[in-house]
Amino acid sequence: MSEIKVVLLDGSEIKLKKGATLHDAAAKISKKLGKEAIAGIVNGVEKDLNYILEDNNRVEIITFASPEGRNLSSQQFPYYGSGGEGIISPGKISHWTSH
């Protein structure tokens, strides 16, 4: 299987298998980030964790702890509480989609 390269927020690059998702990228960066990721930004556009990445995409991972994640959690997951503290496992949210 061929590989793709994605560019992270800090300008570093990681290689992933073709067909990799945002969640795969988060998990490759770190196991903890893979568990805490709730969404991502690809080339400036919010995407869910199941988004399939393409070669040379610019990627940022969003968690509940990030400013974007706190904004998403209050807008997209209001029934979980602000920030989702202690109510759900952020690593389990992979169905979010932007509207």
Protein backbone atom coordinates (compact mmCIF):
# COMPACT_ATOMS: atom_id res chain seq x y z
CA MET A 1 0.00 0.00 0.00
CA SER A 2 1.33 3.44 -0.85
CA GLU A 3 1.88 6.23 1.65
CA ILE A 4 0.78 9.82 1.96
CA LYS A 5 2.46 12.70 3.76
CA VAL A 6 0.52 15.19 5.88
CA VAL A 7 1.80 18.47 7.28
CA LEU A 8 1.13 19.23 10.95
CA LEU A 9 0.40 22.59 12.53
CA ASP A 10 4.07 23.06 13.54
CA GLY A 11 5.23 22.37 9.97
CA SER A 12 6.51 18.86 10.67
CA GLU A 13 5.38 15.99 8.47
CA ILE A 14 4.18 12.47 9.18
CA LYS A 15 3.70 9.58 6.78
CA LEU A 16 0.54 7.51 6.81
CA LYS A 17 -0.89 4.70 4.71
CA LYS A 18 -3.07 5.82 1.81
CA GLY A 19 -6.68 5.87 3.06
CA ALA A 20 -5.68 7.02 6.56
CA THR A 21 -8.16 9.12 8.54
CA LEU A 22 -7.76 12.13 10.79
CA HIS A 23 -8.03 9.74 13.73
CA ASP A 24 -5.15 7.67 12.29
CA ALA A 25 -3.05 10.85 12.10
CA ALA A 26 -3.87 11.76 15.70
CA ALA A 27 -2.95 8.26 16.90
CA LYS A 28 0.31 8.36 14.94
CA ILE A 29 1.28 11.64 16.61
CA SER A 30 0.65 10.13 20.05
CA LYS A 31 -1.50 7.47 21.67
CA LYS A 32 -2.93 10.08 24.06
CA LEU A 33 -3.85 12.45 21.22
CA GLY A 34 -5.54 9.56 19.40
CA LYS A 35 -7.74 9.00 22.46
CA GLU A 36 -8.46 12.70 23.09
CA ALA A 37 -9.14 13.81 19.50
CA ILE A 38 -12.71 14.90 18.75
CA ALA A 39 -12.28 16.45 15.28
CA GLY A 40 -9.70 18.09 13.08
CA ILE A 41 -8.97 20.92 10.70
CA VAL A 42 -7.77 19.93 7.24
CA ASN A 43 -6.56 22.71 4.97
CA GLY A 44 -8.47 25.22 7.12
CA VAL A 45 -11.79 23.32 7.14
CA GLU A 46 -13.25 21.49 10.17
CA LYS A 47 -13.62 17.74 9.53
CA ASP A 48 -14.70 14.72 11.57
CA LEU A 49 -12.23 12.05 12.66
CA ASN A 50 -13.33 9.69 9.88
CA TYR A 51 -12.22 12.13 7.17
CA ILE A 52 -9.84 10.40 4.78
CA LEU A 53 -6.65 12.37 4.34
CA GLU A 54 -4.90 13.07 1.05
CA ASP A 55 -1.25 13.65 0.27
CA ASN A 56 0.07 17.04 1.46
CA ASN A 57 -3.02 17.91 3.54
CA ARG A 58 -2.32 20.42 6.32
CA VAL A 59 -3.73 18.93 9.52
CA GLU A 60 -4.56 20.17 13.01
CA ILE A 61 -6.10 17.84 15.61
CA ILE A 62 -8.83 19.21 17.89
CA THR A 63 -9.38 17.98 21.46
CA PHE A 64 -11.80 19.15 24.16
CA ALA A 65 -8.82 20.92 25.78
CA SER A 66 -8.11 23.10 22.73
CA PRO A 67 -9.93 26.42 22.18
CA GLU A 68 -11.55 24.99 19.03
CA GLY A 69 -12.60 21.89 20.96
CA ARG A 70 -14.26 23.90 23.72
CA ASN A 71 -16.14 25.83 21.03
CA LEU A 72 -17.16 22.60 19.25
CA SER A 73 -18.17 20.88 22.46
CA SER A 74 -20.56 23.68 23.41
CA GLN A 75 -21.99 23.98 19.88
CA GLN A 76 -22.03 20.39 18.65
CA PHE A 77 -22.35 18.46 21.93
CA PRO A 78 -24.42 20.72 24.24
CA TYR A 79 -26.07 17.71 25.91
CA TYR A 80 -22.66 16.54 27.16
CA GLY A 81 -22.05 19.70 29.18
CA SER A 82 -19.61 22.47 28.41
CA GLY A 83 -16.37 20.74 27.57
CA GLY A 84 -17.83 17.28 28.15
CA GLU A 85 -15.99 16.92 31.42
CA GLY A 86 -16.40 13.46 32.91
CA ILE A 87 -19.49 12.60 30.89
CA ILE A 88 -18.08 10.96 27.78
CA SER A 89 -14.80 9.64 26.55
CA PRO A 90 -13.54 12.09 23.88
CA GLY A 91 -11.82 9.23 22.04
CA LYS A 92 -15.24 7.70 21.42
CA ILE A 93 -16.60 10.71 19.53
CA SER A 94 -15.89 9.96 15.91
CA HIS A 95 -19.28 10.73 14.41
CA TRP A 96 -19.12 14.54 14.56
CA THR A 97 -19.60 16.33 11.27
CA SER A 98 -19.55 20.02 10.50
CA HIS A 99 -22.78 21.67 9.39
